[in-house]
Amino acid sequence: MEILTTMDVFLQSGLVFSLIAMGYYISYTILDFPDLTVEGTFLTGAVVYGIMVENGINAWLGLLAAFLSGCFFGAITGILHVKCRIRPLLCGILVSTALISINLVLVGAGLMGSWMGDSISSINFGREALTLGKVFPFNLIPAKIEGIGVRNLVIFLVIVVFFQLMIDIFLKTKRGMLLFASGDNDRFVTTLSLDAGNNKILGLAIGNGYAAVAGVLYTLISGNVNQGMGIGTIVIGLASLIIGLSVFNRVTFLKPTSKVILGAVIYQMCLTIAQKLGVPSAYNKLIMAIIFTIALIVGQRMKRQKHGGKGKSGL
């Protein structure tokens, strides 16, 4: 039973953070854009969803609004980079810093009607709040079976698979192909009389939309929305991405998005096992950093081996 409970914990967390990793697949892997905005949009998605649910608005609409809010702020990051010529890291820092205040003000305005930003800093869902777990069709699923959070697992799996299919379908379209081209060689895209900058803005918007949806799902685990939710999401997303693409690099039948999802689950599994072994929670961030560092080293080595192999085959 303890093994099943442990699996339940890291599967839920892994599926939630796999959405951030899929967003990073677009911004970091395809566009080569180290986007720091996700730390803010993760919380923004949760805040927008929480406010709407607490005010009696359907949770599905709340999920959609959260996705669009993430897309909006991701697009702002892209506009700062493309139109204002600000460096990628600084763009993310600027928007995520602004979102600290914006999220505080949104909570106060949405729940208390105050625009001062100091009325309330968290959203605790009441018993009558119709969250995703309480609306059709998820309300038909038992919340738990022998201590296992079946309902949450089903919700996370359905939503993650849906968004995975959406991104896979999108990347096969003409716009998706241009996204790859913009990341590889934006000058080539320009020679086709197309604007590579607009593709970057679109890619960053999608990536942050995914981060916002992850924030919504995380509220089902935490049971509330609090201002500390987004801390560390950058490391989690990047580590999940790199682990997935590195570990399953030679597995050709898996799509990159599937590899990324598995990477998120593996990353959360490592953290959960460390906690089960009795490692104090104060060491969580240190463990995250160590796992991320190992993933980066392995990823860089595999890249060098791959390029070295190509060079030899060409001689």
Foldseek 3Di string as FASTA:
>chain_A
DVVLLLLLVLLLQLLLLLLLLVLCCLQCVQQVFLALQLLLLLQQLQLQLLLCLQVPHDSVVSLVVSLQVQLVLLLQLLCCCLVVVDHRVVSRVVSSVVSLQVSLQSNCCSPPVDNPSPPDFKHADDPPRCHPCNDPPNVVDDCDDPNRRPSLSVVSVVVSVVVVVVLVVVCPDPLNVLSNVLNVPVVVVVVVVHHSSVSSSNSSSNSSSSSSSSSSSVCVVVNMRGSCVSPPSSLLNQLLLLQLCLVCVVVPVDDSSRSSSVSSSVLSSVLSVCVVVPDDPVCSVVVSVVSSVVSVVSSVVVVVVVVVVVVVVVD
